Amino acid sequence: MIKLFRHFRQNLFNEGLSAGQAGKTTKYFKYAIGEILLVVIGILIALQINTWNNNRLNSIEEKKLLQNLTIDLNLELAAMENHQSMQQSMLDNCMSILENYNKNDGFLIDEELNKKMNQLWIRYGYTMNKATFSTMESTGKIDLIQNEFTRNQIVIYYRSLTAFSNNTQNNNSDLVDGLLNHNLIELSYFEEGLYNGKNLGAINFMNKKNYPIQNNDRLINQLKYKLSIDDNILKLINIVNLRMFLANIQMAYVEQQMEATHNLINIIKKDLE
């Protein structure tokens, strides 16, 4: 292409040299126009090459972002499965406490029940795995996602996930900490060593500093007395039922989010094909 332009320019120049004096002005004018056209064409070609190169780099960056999003979403699924497992554990624990009441026509206070009541103190937060999306959002790289449908689905997904995480945090702060545990402290005998390891997940801080009370019969007897009073029985049953209600809400939320996560993974997968 460059050789062709050079040949064209040389022809114009040669024509200008071989023409008579009267036609020299016209010939040189044509030559000047040709030079300008060649420069303009060269600039346009350079711009086209630059645009093509930028599009190629953006396409590479888009693919990398979608791949990283897929990694984050798979981590999200694992976190949701763990959250679901913890909520199911809380449901099972609450059911066991209510079964104790039904079987004994009142609460039979023993080590097993006290252990179950200790589990009621536990609350489960939810932390999102959204490193890639946060980067895309803060840098404007979300616009690199060419497929408008995919781009919109990504934004909608993380808005929903943020609402789920915030709802979980609000329930923990306002209901579990602010309401339930505030009353539970008066209706149970808290023993650090009675926590279920499964419910603690990866946290391993038990037995670091712990002073077990050797003779706790007096405390247990006081607990038995408290839970023989109808008002306290009703209060504890309400605590257990509300914990079950919150756990069921979390289970429903996490099932919806898991379905949305699978759907988004499939949408991104199609774009990567």
Foldseek 3Di string as FASTA:
>chain_A
DVVVLVVVLVVLVVVLVPDDPVCNVVSVVVSVVSVVVVVVVVVVVVVVVVVVVVLVVLVVVLLVLLVVVLVQLVVVLVLLVLLLVLLVVLLVLLVVQVVCCVVVVFHDDDLSNLLSLLQLLDADAGDGSCPSVVVCVVVVSLPSNPPPVLSVLVVVLVVLVVVLRVVSVCCCVCPSVVPLVVLSVVQHDHAQVSHDPSNVPPDDDPPVDHDDDPDCPVVSVVNVVQRVDPVSVVSVNVSSVVSNVVSVVSNVSSVVSSVSSVVSSVVSVVVSD
